[in-house]
Amino acid sequence: MGEMIKVTLNDHQTRQYPKSIKLLEIAKEIQHKLEYKIVGAIVDNNLRELDYTLEEDADVEFVDIASSYGNRFYTRSLAFLFIIAAKEVLKGCKVTVEHSLSKSLYCEIHNAGSLDGSRVKKIEEKMREIAHKDIPFVKKKYSKKDAEKLFMEREQYDKLELLAHRNKDSINIYSCMGYYDYFYGYLVPSTGYLDKFELLCYPPGIVLRFPTRENPHEIPEFFDQPKLFNIYREFEEWGKIMGIGNISQLNDYILKGDIKELIWIAEAFHEKKLAEIADKICSSKEKKKLVLISGPSSSGKTTFTQRLSIQIRVNGLKTVAISIDDFFKNRDDTPKTPEGEYDFETIDAIDIDLFNELINKLIAGEEIELPYFNFHTGNREWRGRRLKISEEHIILVEGIHGLNQKLTQGIDASKKYKIYISPLTHLNVDNHNRVPTSDLRLIRRMVRDYQFRSTDALTTIKRWDSVRNGEDKYIYPYQEAADIMFNSSLVYELSVLKNIAMPLLEKIDKSMVEYVEAKRLMKFLDYLLPSDSKCIPNNSILREFIGNSCFQV
């Protein structure tokens, strides 16, 4: 018997295996102990694909589609399968993976004419045929020079742009059925792992649908999100006009010294959109009195609200701000989670009756006293803050439940105007590797928490899953109820955030489980060239995260 190594697995049992054994062999042995199919692994806090070989003692945690990392393995591989099938069915076409939509991926096919249901069905049938054949995804390391030649021959110019800014001398490229691609992350071993998916014709593109980590057994129902889709389209069109649709093109701006101009244009675009929203509110036939602003964490809601207030005042009206946080129920009346912890995220933690009563009185012209919630004692206090508004006033309310009808159920709908704000980045790594909005928000939050809340990146990453779970429950289901959406992303911002975020991520020790996420984010940020912040105006939404804002944030 050859040399043996000790491997500790998910069940915390240590077993001996031959040195140089592949993870795939061990996965087959313990698959019966996991509910869902194993798609990858975390080895000593490093993410690995199943083709990885173990050369020394290791702790191995296998991941399936129910984990965030396993879900990424699956969806990334599924995207490659879709790209291959589309090119097989529609010869000479070009595929772009654009953005998320209703827990799915919105993609487009170019140079192939218009899409209809029958063409989409043929692509899906081809995907199932390839999946049934269980064809391997083969990874091979190429020198930068050989990779450039490979992509040049195949006219994959977005990959060439990416390589132009790559510091490393080599790159890993996946192949399957004669198609070659680079992916920001790992794939499953073969097409046979991809057993659950659907295609939906969604002109001018296609929606690629798959199971979620919350329910890996089935594909969730598709809910159309036309407002969200249109805001993505608007920014993509703006990006095309500016000639900046991926990170490589942003890097070109930085190298050419044109980043100042890009910053000014991006900020002016935000200001124009803010002015348009204020104009709509102030010119509405049904006079609006209550503006409700909601969005996920790190969207820039605080700065947005204050800038919107200024634009409303430019229209000759006045504003007053009220915090939903001051309407929290007393701690003893706060609902609890199934685990027995106080649930501060649920809308039932808010005294909805009191909120509706006081807002209605305020709109009617009565003077009211606003409550103050003392987070130290966990109780509501009355500190004599009295408020009365005139006909020229508009009330601005910011909070995660702003779009939930239950919050304002007793207020005349004609008086309300709802705004959803989120940084919906259109800037992808390349045609097949998107930048999730959640990654941008996590980097924003990490930088802000460190700058203003004395919180390190490790703690921010630890809390992120909980934050996102709350958003899934209390924000995203109501986003299409908004009267208007505002995209708070700035095309240049990742190059600025990188300067602060990278040193924070580098401090996370390899022994910590959060190192896996830190390493993933560092790999992503490594694609970007850094840019300084000196030309960013002090009223920018980005200043809420990097500092030196002229607003109280």
Protein backbone atom coordinates (compact mmCIF):
# COMPACT_ATOMS: atom_id res chain seq x y z
CA MET A 1 0.00 0.00 0.00
CA GLY A 2 1.27 3.48 -0.91
CA GLU A 3 1.52 6.54 1.31
CA MET A 4 -1.72 7.43 3.11
CA ILE A 5 -3.12 10.78 4.23
CA LYS A 6 -5.73 11.69 6.87
CA VAL A 7 -8.88 13.48 5.69
CA THR A 8 -11.53 14.93 8.02
CA LEU A 9 -14.91 15.16 6.26
CA ASN A 10 -18.30 16.86 6.79
CA ASP A 11 -19.29 14.36 9.49
CA HIS A 12 -16.11 15.30 11.46
CA GLN A 13 -14.87 11.74 11.09
CA THR A 14 -11.21 11.32 10.05
CA ARG A 15 -10.47 8.69 7.43
CA GLN A 16 -7.35 7.53 5.67
CA TYR A 17 -7.01 7.68 1.88
CA PRO A 18 -4.17 7.10 -0.58
CA LYS A 19 -2.09 10.18 -1.29
CA SER A 20 -3.07 11.96 -4.57
CA ILE A 21 -6.67 10.80 -4.36
CA LYS A 22 -9.14 13.03 -6.19
CA LEU A 23 -11.96 14.70 -4.30
CA LEU A 24 -14.40 13.16 -6.77
CA GLU A 25 -13.52 9.65 -5.55
CA ILE A 26 -14.18 10.58 -1.91
CA ALA A 27 -17.38 12.40 -2.89
CA LYS A 28 -18.77 9.23 -4.48
CA GLU A 29 -18.05 7.35 -1.27
CA ILE A 30 -19.97 9.73 1.02
CA GLN A 31 -22.62 11.04 -1.42
CA HIS A 32 -25.31 8.92 0.24
CA LYS A 33 -24.88 10.92 3.45
CA LEU A 34 -25.82 14.21 1.78
CA GLU A 35 -29.31 15.13 0.60
CA TYR A 36 -28.16 16.86 -2.60
CA LYS A 37 -25.52 16.07 -5.19
CA ILE A 38 -21.98 17.13 -4.24
CA VAL A 39 -20.61 19.68 -6.74
CA GLY A 40 -17.42 20.96 -5.08
CA ALA A 41 -15.50 21.21 -1.82
CA ILE A 42 -13.77 23.49 0.64
CA VAL A 43 -10.30 22.12 1.47
CA ASP A 44 -8.58 23.78 4.44
CA ASN A 45 -10.67 26.92 3.80
CA ASN A 46 -9.84 26.98 0.10
CA LEU A 47 -12.54 26.39 -2.50
CA ARG A 48 -11.75 23.45 -4.77
CA GLU A 49 -13.39 21.63 -7.65
CA LEU A 50 -13.91 17.87 -7.52
CA ASP A 51 -11.01 17.21 -9.90
CA TYR A 52 -8.59 18.48 -7.22
CA THR A 53 -6.13 15.94 -5.79
CA LEU A 54 -5.20 15.73 -2.12
CA GLU A 55 -1.47 15.47 -1.44
CA GLU A 56 -1.47 15.89 2.35
CA ASP A 57 -3.68 15.69 5.44
CA ALA A 58 -6.69 17.97 5.05
CA ASP A 59 -10.09 19.08 6.34
CA VAL A 60 -12.61 18.65 3.53
CA GLU A 61 -16.14 20.06 3.52
CA PHE A 62 -18.09 18.96 0.48
CA VAL A 63 -20.62 21.47 -0.85
CA ASP A 64 -23.84 20.94 -2.77
CA ILE A 65 -26.31 23.24 -4.50
CA ALA A 66 -27.89 24.13 -1.14
CA SER A 67 -24.74 26.09 -0.20
CA SER A 68 -23.86 29.48 -1.66
CA TYR A 69 -20.61 28.13 -3.13
CA GLY A 70 -22.20 24.99 -4.53
CA ASN A 71 -24.96 27.07 -6.06
CA ARG A 72 -22.35 29.19 -7.84
CA PHE A 73 -20.63 26.02 -9.15
CA TYR A 74 -23.96 24.87 -10.57
CA THR A 75 -25.14 28.13 -12.15
CA ARG A 76 -21.70 28.92 -13.62
CA SER A 77 -21.55 25.45 -15.21
CA LEU A 78 -25.12 25.78 -16.42
CA ALA A 79 -24.24 29.06 -18.11
CA PHE A 80 -21.43 27.28 -20.00
CA LEU A 81 -23.84 24.52 -21.02
CA PHE A 82 -26.29 27.17 -22.28
CA ILE A 83 -23.54 28.96 -24.24
CA ILE A 84 -22.46 25.70 -25.89
CA ALA A 85 -26.02 24.68 -26.78
CA ALA A 86 -26.86 28.12 -28.19
CA LYS A 87 -23.76 28.03 -30.41
CA GLU A 88 -24.63 24.50 -31.56
CA VAL A 89 -28.18 25.47 -32.51
CA LEU A 90 -27.52 29.00 -33.81
CA LYS A 91 -24.21 28.76 -35.64
CA GLY A 92 -22.05 31.87 -35.41
CA CYS A 93 -24.05 33.46 -32.61
CA LYS A 94 -22.59 35.40 -29.70
CA VAL A 95 -23.91 34.88 -26.15
CA THR A 96 -23.80 37.36 -23.28
CA VAL A 97 -24.76 36.62 -19.67
CA GLU A 98 -26.27 39.91 -18.54
CA HIS A 99 -27.75 39.98 -15.02
CA SER A 100 -30.04 38.28 -12.51
CA LEU A 101 -33.82 38.40 -12.87
CA SER A 102 -36.34 36.67 -10.61
CA LYS A 103 -33.75 34.26 -9.14
CA SER A 104 -32.63 33.44 -12.68
CA LEU A 105 -30.07 34.68 -15.23
CA TYR A 106 -31.07 36.94 -18.09
CA CYS A 107 -28.94 36.26 -21.20
CA GLU A 108 -28.90 37.54 -24.76
CA ILE A 109 -27.98 35.92 -28.07
CA HIS A 110 -26.55 38.17 -30.77
CA ASN A 111 -25.90 37.74 -34.52
CA ALA A 112 -28.69 35.19 -34.80
CA GLY A 113 -31.82 37.20 -35.62
CA SER A 114 -34.82 37.53 -33.33
CA LEU A 115 -35.69 34.85 -30.82
CA ASP A 116 -39.03 33.08 -30.47
CA GLY A 117 -40.38 30.23 -28.41
CA SER A 118 -39.47 27.53 -30.92
CA ARG A 119 -35.81 28.59 -31.17
CA VAL A 120 -35.53 28.80 -27.40
CA LYS A 121 -37.06 25.32 -27.13
CA LYS A 122 -34.42 23.94 -29.53
CA ILE A 123 -31.64 25.38 -27.40
CA GLU A 124 -33.15 23.84 -24.25
CA GLU A 125 -33.48 20.47 -26.00
CA LYS A 126 -29.83 20.67 -27.04
CA MET A 127 -28.85 21.46 -23.45
CA ARG A 128 -30.68 18.37 -22.22
CA GLU A 129 -29.09 16.25 -24.91
CA ILE A 130 -25.58 17.41 -23.91
CA ALA A 131 -26.35 16.99 -20.20
CA HIS A 132 -27.59 13.44 -20.81
CA LYS A 133 -24.26 12.56 -22.51
CA ASP A 134 -22.41 13.57 -19.32
CA ILE A 135 -19.52 15.22 -21.17
CA PRO A 136 -16.59 16.38 -18.98
CA PHE A 137 -15.69 20.02 -18.45
CA VAL A 138 -11.92 19.88 -18.93
CA LYS A 139 -9.73 22.48 -17.27
CA LYS A 140 -6.26 23.20 -18.63
CA LYS A 141 -3.64 25.80 -17.69
CA TYR A 142 -2.47 27.97 -20.59
CA SER A 143 0.32 30.50 -20.78
CA LYS A 144 -0.95 34.02 -21.32
CA LYS A 145 0.48 33.99 -24.83
CA ASP A 146 -1.18 30.68 -25.79
CA ALA A 147 -4.48 31.83 -24.26
CA GLU A 148 -4.38 35.02 -26.32
CA LYS A 149 -3.81 32.96 -29.47
CA LEU A 150 -6.67 30.60 -28.57
CA PHE A 151 -9.16 33.40 -27.98
CA MET A 152 -8.00 35.36 -31.02
CA GLU A 153 -8.63 32.36 -33.26
CA ARG A 154 -12.13 32.05 -31.83
CA GLU A 155 -12.85 35.80 -31.99
CA GLN A 156 -13.51 35.93 -28.23
CA TYR A 157 -12.37 39.52 -28.00
CA ASP A 158 -13.80 40.15 -24.53
CA LYS A 159 -11.42 37.47 -23.21
CA LEU A 160 -8.52 39.19 -24.95
CA GLU A 161 -9.46 42.46 -23.25
CA LEU A 162 -9.47 40.66 -19.91
CA LEU A 163 -6.04 39.12 -20.54
CA ALA A 164 -4.60 42.51 -21.49
CA HIS A 165 -4.90 43.63 -17.86
CA ARG A 166 -4.00 40.29 -16.26
CA ASN A 167 -0.84 40.30 -14.14
CA LYS A 168 -0.40 36.53 -13.97
CA ASP A 169 1.54 34.60 -16.63
CA SER A 170 -1.00 31.79 -16.91
CA ILE A 171 -4.74 31.26 -16.98
CA ASN A 172 -7.05 28.26 -16.49
CA ILE A 173 -9.40 27.65 -19.43
CA TYR A 174 -12.31 25.20 -19.56
CA SER A 175 -13.25 23.26 -22.67
CA CYS A 176 -16.22 21.11 -23.64
CA MET A 177 -17.23 19.83 -27.10
CA GLY A 178 -14.59 21.99 -28.75
CA TYR A 179 -15.72 25.19 -27.04
CA TYR A 180 -13.27 27.10 -24.84
CA ASP A 181 -14.07 29.60 -22.11
CA TYR A 182 -12.71 31.30 -19.03
CA PHE A 183 -14.79 31.50 -15.87
CA TYR A 184 -14.37 33.51 -12.70
CA GLY A 185 -14.69 30.44 -10.46
CA TYR A 186 -14.95 26.65 -10.68
CA LEU A 187 -17.25 24.32 -12.60
CA VAL A 188 -18.82 20.95 -11.83
CA PRO A 189 -16.97 17.92 -13.30
CA SER A 190 -19.32 17.25 -16.23
CA THR A 191 -22.56 18.16 -17.96
CA GLY A 192 -24.38 15.26 -16.28
CA TYR A 193 -24.42 17.18 -13.00
CA LEU A 194 -26.78 19.73 -14.57
CA ASP A 195 -30.12 17.97 -14.28
CA LYS A 196 -32.50 20.82 -13.38
CA PHE A 197 -32.98 23.87 -15.60
CA GLU A 198 -35.44 25.62 -17.90
CA LEU A 199 -35.25 28.29 -20.58
CA LEU A 200 -37.83 31.05 -20.86
CA CYS A 201 -38.15 33.28 -23.91
CA TYR A 202 -37.96 36.83 -22.58
CA PRO A 203 -37.50 39.23 -25.52
CA PRO A 204 -35.04 40.40 -26.55
CA GLY A 205 -33.27 37.64 -24.61
CA ILE A 206 -33.65 34.39 -22.69
CA VAL A 207 -34.02 33.69 -18.99
CA LEU A 208 -31.95 30.74 -17.76
CA ARG A 209 -33.76 29.20 -14.80
CA PHE A 210 -32.46 26.79 -12.15
CA PRO A 211 -33.08 25.66 -8.55
CA THR A 212 -32.15 27.98 -5.70
CA ARG A 213 -30.08 27.07 -2.67
CA GLU A 214 -33.22 27.47 -0.54
CA ASN A 215 -35.02 24.73 -2.49
CA PRO A 216 -32.61 22.66 -4.62
CA HIS A 217 -35.34 20.16 -5.52
CA GLU A 218 -37.24 22.43 -7.90
CA ILE A 219 -37.07 25.54 -10.03
CA PRO A 220 -38.92 28.44 -8.39
CA GLU A 221 -41.89 30.14 -10.00
CA PHE A 222 -40.90 33.00 -12.32
CA PHE A 223 -42.20 36.41 -11.32
CA ASP A 224 -41.89 39.02 -14.02
CA GLN A 225 -39.98 42.12 -12.93
CA PRO A 226 -40.43 44.62 -15.77
CA LYS A 227 -39.39 47.66 -13.73
CA LEU A 228 -36.18 46.02 -12.56
CA PHE A 229 -35.47 44.73 -16.06
CA ASN A 230 -35.96 48.17 -17.61
CA ILE A 231 -33.60 49.87 -15.16
CA TYR A 232 -30.91 47.31 -16.05
CA ARG A 233 -31.55 47.94 -19.75
CA GLU A 234 -31.28 51.69 -19.30
CA PHE A 235 -27.87 51.45 -17.67
CA GLU A 236 -26.63 48.89 -20.20
CA GLU A 237 -27.57 51.26 -23.01
CA TRP A 238 -25.80 54.09 -21.19
CA GLY A 239 -22.75 51.84 -20.84
CA LYS A 240 -22.75 51.13 -24.58
CA ILE A 241 -22.87 54.85 -25.35
CA MET A 242 -19.93 55.41 -23.01
CA GLY A 243 -18.10 52.40 -24.42
CA ILE A 244 -17.84 50.76 -21.02
CA GLY A 245 -19.60 47.45 -20.51
CA ASN A 246 -16.98 45.41 -18.71
CA ILE A 247 -14.13 45.75 -16.23
CA SER A 248 -11.46 45.75 -18.96
CA GLN A 249 -13.00 48.84 -20.51
CA LEU A 250 -13.04 50.54 -17.10
CA ASN A 251 -9.36 49.67 -16.75
CA ASP A 252 -8.74 51.31 -20.14
CA TYR A 253 -10.30 54.54 -18.86
CA ILE A 254 -7.98 54.45 -15.87
CA LEU A 255 -4.86 53.73 -17.96
CA LYS A 256 -5.66 56.52 -20.42
CA GLY A 257 -6.18 59.01 -17.59
CA ASP A 258 -9.85 59.53 -18.49
CA ILE A 259 -11.26 58.39 -15.14
CA LYS A 260 -11.95 61.98 -14.02
CA GLU A 261 -14.28 62.54 -16.96
CA LEU A 262 -16.00 59.18 -16.34
CA ILE A 263 -16.56 60.09 -12.67
CA TRP A 264 -18.08 63.46 -13.59
CA ILE A 265 -20.38 61.93 -16.21
CA ALA A 266 -21.52 59.12 -13.89
CA GLU A 267 -22.25 61.59 -11.09
CA ALA A 268 -24.09 63.93 -13.48
CA PHE A 269 -26.20 60.98 -14.63
CA HIS A 270 -27.20 60.33 -11.01
CA GLU A 271 -28.07 64.00 -10.50
CA LYS A 272 -30.19 64.03 -13.63
CA LYS A 273 -32.12 60.96 -12.46
CA LEU A 274 -32.66 62.46 -9.02
CA ALA A 275 -33.99 65.65 -10.58
CA GLU A 276 -36.35 63.64 -12.79
CA ILE A 277 -37.73 61.76 -9.77
CA ALA A 278 -38.24 65.01 -7.84
CA ASP A 279 -40.00 66.52 -10.86
CA LYS A 280 -42.37 63.55 -11.06
CA ILE A 281 -43.20 63.77 -7.37
CA CYS A 282 -43.79 67.52 -7.43
CA SER A 283 -45.77 67.62 -10.69
CA SER A 284 -48.07 64.69 -9.95
CA LYS A 285 -51.76 65.43 -10.49
CA GLU A 286 -52.48 63.59 -7.26
CA LYS A 287 -50.51 65.67 -4.79
CA LYS A 288 -47.99 63.41 -3.10
CA LYS A 289 -47.36 63.89 0.61
CA LEU A 290 -45.48 60.75 1.61
CA VAL A 291 -42.37 59.49 -0.22
CA LEU A 292 -41.32 55.99 0.88
CA ILE A 293 -37.74 54.96 0.08
CA SER A 294 -36.61 51.33 0.36
CA GLY A 295 -33.81 49.11 -0.85
CA PRO A 296 -31.33 46.46 0.30
CA SER A 297 -28.32 47.08 2.50
CA SER A 298 -25.60 49.40 1.19
CA SER A 299 -27.73 50.88 -1.57
CA GLY A 300 -26.97 54.46 -0.50
CA LYS A 301 -30.47 55.20 0.78
CA THR A 302 -29.32 57.86 3.28
CA THR A 303 -27.46 59.98 0.73
CA PHE A 304 -30.17 59.43 -1.87
CA THR A 305 -32.85 60.68 0.53
CA GLN A 306 -30.94 63.86 1.33
CA ARG A 307 -30.15 64.58 -2.32
CA LEU A 308 -33.78 63.96 -3.26
CA SER A 309 -34.83 66.38 -0.53
CA ILE A 310 -32.68 69.08 -2.14
CA GLN A 311 -34.16 68.44 -5.58
CA ILE A 312 -37.70 68.62 -4.18
CA ARG A 313 -36.85 71.97 -2.61
CA VAL A 314 -35.51 73.15 -5.98
CA ASN A 315 -39.10 72.62 -7.16
CA GLY A 316 -40.32 75.08 -4.52
CA LEU A 317 -41.57 72.58 -1.95
CA LYS A 318 -40.36 71.73 1.55
CA THR A 319 -39.40 68.39 3.06
CA VAL A 320 -39.31 66.70 6.43
CA ALA A 321 -37.70 63.34 7.22
CA ILE A 322 -39.13 60.67 9.52
CA SER A 323 -37.35 57.46 10.52
CA ILE A 324 -39.27 54.19 10.60
CA ASP A 325 -36.80 53.04 13.27
CA ASP A 326 -38.47 55.36 15.80
CA PHE A 327 -41.66 53.31 15.44
CA PHE A 328 -40.16 50.05 16.71
CA LYS A 329 -42.29 48.30 19.30
CA ASN A 330 -40.96 48.08 22.84
CA ARG A 331 -38.57 45.18 23.31
CA ASP A 332 -41.10 43.13 25.30
CA ASP A 333 -43.55 43.35 22.39
CA THR A 334 -41.01 42.53 19.67
CA PRO A 335 -41.68 39.26 17.77
CA LYS A 336 -39.16 36.47 18.07
CA THR A 337 -37.57 34.11 15.57
CA PRO A 338 -38.14 30.34 15.81
CA GLU A 339 -34.76 30.23 17.61
CA GLY A 340 -36.09 32.53 20.32
CA GLU A 341 -34.11 35.63 19.26
CA TYR A 342 -35.73 39.04 18.80
CA ASP A 343 -36.66 39.53 15.16
CA PHE A 344 -35.95 43.17 14.35
CA GLU A 345 -36.18 42.59 10.59
CA THR A 346 -39.85 41.64 10.39
CA ILE A 347 -42.41 44.35 9.69
CA ASP A 348 -44.30 43.14 12.77
CA ALA A 349 -41.51 44.68 14.89
CA ILE A 350 -42.89 48.06 13.78
CA ASP A 351 -45.88 49.68 15.50
CA ILE A 352 -47.84 49.98 12.28
CA ASP A 353 -50.99 51.37 13.91
CA LEU A 354 -49.08 54.23 15.56
CA PHE A 355 -47.19 54.99 12.33
CA ASN A 356 -50.41 55.23 10.29
CA GLU A 357 -52.17 57.29 12.96
CA LEU A 358 -49.42 59.90 13.24
CA ILE A 359 -48.71 60.16 9.49
CA ASN A 360 -52.42 60.64 8.73
CA LYS A 361 -52.67 63.38 11.36
CA LEU A 362 -49.57 65.04 9.94
CA ILE A 363 -50.97 64.97 6.39
CA ALA A 364 -54.25 66.43 7.71
CA GLY A 365 -52.36 69.42 9.07
CA GLU A 366 -52.42 68.46 12.74
CA GLU A 367 -49.47 68.89 15.06
CA ILE A 368 -48.05 65.61 16.35
CA GLU A 369 -45.39 64.43 18.73
CA LEU A 370 -42.95 61.98 17.17
CA PRO A 371 -41.68 59.02 19.21
CA TYR A 372 -38.00 58.29 19.76
CA PHE A 373 -36.81 54.72 20.03
CA ASN A 374 -34.00 54.20 22.51
CA PHE A 375 -31.96 51.27 21.20
CA HIS A 376 -30.01 51.04 24.45
CA THR A 377 -33.08 50.47 26.63
CA GLY A 378 -35.18 48.82 23.93
CA ASN A 379 -38.13 51.11 24.62
CA ARG A 380 -40.00 53.98 22.99
CA GLU A 381 -39.61 57.41 24.52
CA TRP A 382 -41.43 60.70 24.07
CA ARG A 383 -38.93 63.55 24.08
CA GLY A 384 -41.17 66.40 23.02
CA ARG A 385 -40.27 66.42 19.31
CA ARG A 386 -43.35 68.08 17.87
CA LEU A 387 -44.00 68.44 14.19
CA LYS A 388 -46.51 70.19 11.98
CA ILE A 389 -46.32 70.54 8.22
CA SER A 390 -47.85 72.87 5.66
CA GLU A 391 -49.36 72.24 2.23
CA GLU A 392 -45.89 72.76 0.73
CA HIS A 393 -44.31 69.92 2.72
CA ILE A 394 -43.49 66.40 1.56
CA ILE A 395 -42.66 63.71 4.13
CA LEU A 396 -39.65 61.50 3.33
CA VAL A 397 -39.53 58.08 5.01
CA GLU A 398 -36.57 55.72 4.53
CA GLY A 399 -36.62 52.09 5.69
CA ILE A 400 -36.56 48.48 4.54
CA HIS A 401 -40.37 48.12 4.79
CA GLY A 402 -41.21 51.25 2.81
CA LEU A 403 -42.64 49.33 -0.18
CA ASN A 404 -44.68 46.89 1.91
CA GLN A 405 -48.34 47.92 1.70
CA LYS A 406 -48.84 46.72 5.26
CA LEU A 407 -46.68 49.57 6.61
CA THR A 408 -48.95 52.29 5.18
CA GLN A 409 -52.21 50.36 4.98
CA GLY A 410 -54.22 53.16 6.57
CA ILE A 411 -52.87 55.96 4.36
CA ASP A 412 -54.54 57.15 1.16
CA ALA A 413 -52.69 55.47 -1.75
CA SER A 414 -52.95 58.63 -3.88
CA LYS A 415 -50.78 60.48 -1.34
CA LYS A 416 -47.92 57.95 -1.50
CA TYR A 417 -44.94 57.70 -3.82
CA LYS A 418 -42.70 54.64 -3.53
CA ILE A 419 -39.04 54.49 -4.56
CA TYR A 420 -36.82 51.40 -4.77
CA ILE A 421 -33.07 52.01 -4.72
CA SER A 422 -30.30 49.47 -5.33
CA PRO A 423 -26.83 49.43 -6.96
CA LEU A 424 -27.65 47.38 -10.06
CA THR A 425 -24.28 47.10 -11.72
CA HIS A 426 -24.20 46.52 -15.48
CA LEU A 427 -20.41 46.21 -15.41
CA ASN A 428 -19.40 42.56 -15.87
CA VAL A 429 -16.00 40.84 -15.92
CA ASP A 430 -16.58 39.80 -19.54
CA ASN A 431 -19.41 38.49 -21.74
CA HIS A 432 -19.87 35.30 -19.70
CA ASN A 433 -18.91 36.38 -16.16
CA ARG A 434 -21.29 38.79 -14.50
CA VAL A 435 -20.69 40.89 -11.40
CA PRO A 436 -23.54 40.15 -8.95
CA THR A 437 -25.14 43.21 -7.37
CA SER A 438 -24.79 41.47 -4.00
CA ASP A 439 -20.98 41.44 -4.37
CA LEU A 440 -20.92 45.19 -4.99
CA ARG A 441 -23.13 45.77 -1.95
CA LEU A 442 -20.99 43.52 0.24
CA ILE A 443 -17.82 45.42 -0.76
CA ARG A 444 -19.59 48.75 -0.12
CA ARG A 445 -20.77 47.56 3.29
CA MET A 446 -17.37 46.17 4.22
CA VAL A 447 -15.72 49.51 3.46
CA ARG A 448 -18.40 51.52 5.29
CA ASP A 449 -18.42 49.25 8.34
CA TYR A 450 -14.67 49.62 8.69
CA GLN A 451 -14.68 53.39 8.10
CA PHE A 452 -17.58 54.36 10.35
CA ARG A 453 -18.67 51.43 12.53
CA SER A 454 -15.37 50.03 13.82
CA THR A 455 -16.21 46.68 12.25
CA ASP A 456 -13.66 44.54 10.44
CA ALA A 457 -14.23 42.69 7.17
CA LEU A 458 -14.40 39.34 8.98
CA THR A 459 -17.44 40.46 10.99
CA THR A 460 -19.15 41.98 7.95
CA ILE A 461 -18.77 38.74 6.00
CA LYS A 462 -20.05 36.71 8.97
CA ARG A 463 -23.24 38.78 9.09
CA TRP A 464 -23.83 38.95 5.34
CA ASP A 465 -25.93 35.79 4.96
CA SER A 466 -28.29 36.99 7.68
CA VAL A 467 -28.57 40.39 6.01
CA ARG A 468 -29.40 38.81 2.66
CA ASN A 469 -31.97 36.47 4.19
CA GLY A 470 -33.77 39.49 5.63
CA GLU A 471 -33.73 41.18 2.22
CA ASP A 472 -35.21 38.09 0.57
CA LYS A 473 -38.10 38.18 3.04
CA TYR A 474 -38.80 41.87 3.51
CA ILE A 475 -37.49 43.84 0.51
CA TYR A 476 -37.30 41.92 -2.77
CA PRO A 477 -40.91 40.64 -2.77
CA TYR A 478 -42.11 44.26 -2.85
CA GLN A 479 -39.64 45.92 -5.23
CA GLU A 480 -41.99 45.89 -8.22
CA ALA A 481 -44.54 47.83 -6.11
CA ALA A 482 -42.29 50.89 -6.48
CA ASP A 483 -43.48 53.82 -8.56
CA ILE A 484 -39.92 54.28 -9.74
CA MET A 485 -36.51 52.63 -9.33
CA PHE A 486 -33.17 54.33 -8.88
CA ASN A 487 -29.92 52.58 -9.76
CA SER A 488 -27.36 53.82 -7.23
CA SER A 489 -24.37 52.06 -8.79
CA LEU A 490 -21.55 54.16 -10.22
CA VAL A 491 -19.64 52.67 -13.14
CA TYR A 492 -16.26 53.66 -11.69
CA GLU A 493 -16.80 52.83 -8.02
CA LEU A 494 -15.21 49.37 -7.78
CA SER A 495 -11.85 50.81 -8.81
CA VAL A 496 -12.08 53.21 -5.86
CA LEU A 497 -13.49 50.73 -3.35
CA LYS A 498 -10.65 48.33 -4.18
CA ASN A 499 -8.10 50.60 -2.47
CA ILE A 500 -9.87 50.23 0.88
CA ALA A 501 -11.36 46.74 0.55
CA MET A 502 -8.25 44.77 -0.46
CA PRO A 503 -6.22 45.50 2.71
CA LEU A 504 -9.28 44.64 4.83
CA LEU A 505 -9.75 41.30 3.08
CA GLU A 506 -6.05 40.48 3.31
CA LYS A 507 -6.30 40.65 7.11
CA ILE A 508 -8.64 37.65 7.23
CA ASP A 509 -6.56 34.69 8.34
CA LYS A 510 -6.52 31.48 6.31
CA SER A 511 -7.62 29.56 9.40
CA MET A 512 -11.02 31.34 9.39
CA VAL A 513 -13.97 29.86 7.48
CA GLU A 514 -14.66 33.37 6.11
CA TYR A 515 -11.33 33.20 4.29
CA VAL A 516 -13.10 31.35 1.45
CA GLU A 517 -15.30 34.38 0.78
CA ALA A 518 -12.46 36.82 1.34
CA LYS A 519 -10.31 35.01 -1.22
CA ARG A 520 -13.16 34.99 -3.74
CA LEU A 521 -13.64 38.75 -3.38
CA MET A 522 -9.91 39.41 -3.60
CA LYS A 523 -9.73 37.41 -6.82
CA PHE A 524 -12.55 39.51 -8.23
CA LEU A 525 -11.01 42.83 -7.16
CA ASP A 526 -7.73 41.75 -8.69
CA TYR A 527 -9.30 42.21 -12.14
CA LEU A 528 -9.59 45.96 -11.45
CA LEU A 529 -6.98 48.67 -11.67
CA PRO A 530 -7.16 51.03 -8.67
CA SER A 531 -8.31 54.62 -8.94
CA ASP A 532 -8.13 57.43 -6.37
CA SER A 533 -11.13 59.28 -4.95
CA LYS A 534 -10.00 62.90 -5.10
CA CYS A 535 -12.28 63.82 -8.02
CA ILE A 536 -15.43 62.31 -6.48
CA PRO A 537 -17.82 65.08 -5.35
CA ASN A 538 -18.65 65.19 -1.64
CA ASN A 539 -22.37 64.69 -2.30
CA SER A 540 -21.76 61.41 -4.18
CA ILE A 541 -23.56 58.30 -2.99
CA LEU A 542 -20.14 56.63 -2.90
CA ARG A 543 -19.05 59.11 -0.21
CA GLU A 544 -21.52 57.41 2.14
CA PHE A 545 -19.13 54.43 2.08
CA ILE A 546 -15.64 55.85 1.54
CA GLY A 547 -16.01 59.00 3.67
CA ASN A 548 -15.87 62.81 3.34
CA SER A 549 -19.57 63.14 2.54
CA CYS A 550 -21.13 66.56 2.94
CA PHE A 551 -24.25 64.87 4.30
CA GLN A 552 -24.90 63.36 7.70
CA VAL A 553 -24.61 59.65 6.90
